[in-house]
Amino acid sequence: NAATGGTCFGDSGGPNFLGTTKTVAGVTSFALNGTCGGTGGVFRLDRPDVRAFINSFL
């Protein structure tokens, strides 16, 4: 959302970066409200089971 900087519908699957780096720390899952303000739900990528799954494709 350009006005609030929040997660909005259609953002699902997009990256969530670690601070100001280019490191992807999570993937957007859902928005929390209809005005697209604030943060939404994020699936974290730093869990061991998730990393093992991702690494199986690399």
C-alpha atoms as a PDB file:
ATOM      1  CA  ASN A   1       0.000   0.000   0.000  1.00  0.00           C
ATOM      2  CA  ALA A   2       1.693   3.173  -1.155  1.00  0.00           C
ATOM      3  CA  ALA A   3      -0.110   5.340   1.417  1.00  0.00           C
ATOM      4  CA  THR A   4       0.564   3.246   4.534  1.00  0.00           C
ATOM      5  CA  GLY A   5       3.350   0.878   3.524  1.00  0.00           C
ATOM      6  CA  GLY A   6       1.336  -2.093   4.744  1.00  0.00           C
ATOM      7  CA  THR A   7       0.660  -5.563   3.413  1.00  0.00           C
ATOM      8  CA  CYS A   8      -2.258  -5.684   0.992  1.00  0.00           C
ATOM      9  CA  PHE A   9      -4.246  -8.217  -0.983  1.00  0.00           C
ATOM     10  CA  GLY A  10      -2.158  -9.518  -3.870  1.00  0.00           C
ATOM     11  CA  ASP A  11       1.088  -9.274  -1.878  1.00  0.00           C
ATOM     12  CA  SER A  12       1.006 -12.979  -0.980  1.00  0.00           C
ATOM     13  CA  GLY A  13       4.180 -14.775  -1.980  1.00  0.00           C
ATOM     14  CA  GLY A  14       6.204 -11.582  -1.941  1.00  0.00           C
ATOM     15  CA  PRO A  15       9.465 -11.298  -0.007  1.00  0.00           C
ATOM     16  CA  ASN A  16       9.956  -9.911   3.489  1.00  0.00           C
ATOM     17  CA  PHE A  17      13.500  -8.645   3.803  1.00  0.00           C
ATOM     18  CA  LEU A  18      15.759  -8.753   6.851  1.00  0.00           C
ATOM     19  CA  GLY A  19      16.014  -5.108   7.892  1.00  0.00           C
ATOM     20  CA  THR A  20      17.473  -3.015   5.092  1.00  0.00           C
ATOM     21  CA  THR A  21      19.349  -5.942   3.520  1.00  0.00           C
ATOM     22  CA  LYS A  22      18.492  -7.887   0.391  1.00  0.00           C
ATOM     23  CA  THR A  23      18.209 -11.089   2.452  1.00  0.00           C
ATOM     24  CA  VAL A  24      14.755 -12.673   2.243  1.00  0.00           C
ATOM     25  CA  ALA A  25      13.729 -13.679   5.779  1.00  0.00           C
ATOM     26  CA  GLY A  26      10.105 -14.558   5.094  1.00  0.00           C
ATOM     27  CA  VAL A  27       7.324 -14.764   2.545  1.00  0.00           C
ATOM     28  CA  THR A  28       4.124 -12.726   2.800  1.00  0.00           C
ATOM     29  CA  SER A  29       1.153 -14.945   3.554  1.00  0.00           C
ATOM     30  CA  PHE A  30      -1.849 -12.669   4.215  1.00  0.00           C
ATOM     31  CA  ALA A  31      -3.058  -9.157   5.046  1.00  0.00           C
ATOM     32  CA  LEU A  32      -4.482  -8.511   8.505  1.00  0.00           C
ATOM     33  CA  ASN A  33      -7.088  -5.890   7.643  1.00  0.00           C
ATOM     34  CA  GLY A  34      -9.098  -4.467   4.775  1.00  0.00           C
ATOM     35  CA  THR A  35      -7.282  -1.125   4.726  1.00  0.00           C
ATOM     36  CA  CYS A  36      -3.899  -2.738   3.998  1.00  0.00           C
ATOM     37  CA  GLY A  37      -2.302  -0.846   6.878  1.00  0.00           C
ATOM     38  CA  GLY A  38       0.478  -2.307   8.975  1.00  0.00           C
ATOM     39  CA  THR A  39       2.113  -5.675   8.666  1.00  0.00           C
ATOM     40  CA  GLY A  40       0.528  -8.945   7.629  1.00  0.00           C
ATOM     41  CA  GLY A  41       1.199 -12.601   8.227  1.00  0.00           C
ATOM     42  CA  VAL A  42       4.645 -13.808   7.234  1.00  0.00           C
ATOM     43  CA  PHE A  43       5.939 -17.357   6.813  1.00  0.00           C
ATOM     44  CA  ARG A  44       9.470 -17.416   8.232  1.00  0.00           C
ATOM     45  CA  LEU A  45      12.238 -19.052   6.232  1.00  0.00           C
ATOM     46  CA  ASP A  46      14.783 -19.457   9.041  1.00  0.00           C
ATOM     47  CA  ARG A  47      13.300 -22.591  10.609  1.00  0.00           C
ATOM     48  CA  PRO A  48      15.391 -25.771  10.215  1.00  0.00           C
ATOM     49  CA  ASP A  49      12.581 -27.784   8.576  1.00  0.00           C
ATOM     50  CA  VAL A  50      11.865 -25.007   6.084  1.00  0.00           C
ATOM     51  CA  ARG A  51      15.559 -24.549   5.275  1.00  0.00           C
ATOM     52  CA  ALA A  52      15.916 -28.308   4.687  1.00  0.00           C
ATOM     53  CA  PHE A  53      12.962 -28.224   2.286  1.00  0.00           C
ATOM     54  CA  ILE A  54      14.367 -25.246   0.366  1.00  0.00           C
ATOM     55  CA  ASN A  55      17.876 -26.720   0.271  1.00  0.00           C
ATOM     56  CA  SER A  56      16.518 -29.908  -1.293  1.00  0.00           C
ATOM     57  CA  PHE A  57      15.835 -27.845  -4.439  1.00  0.00           C
ATOM     58  CA  LEU A  58      19.211 -26.087  -4.585  1.00  0.00           C
END
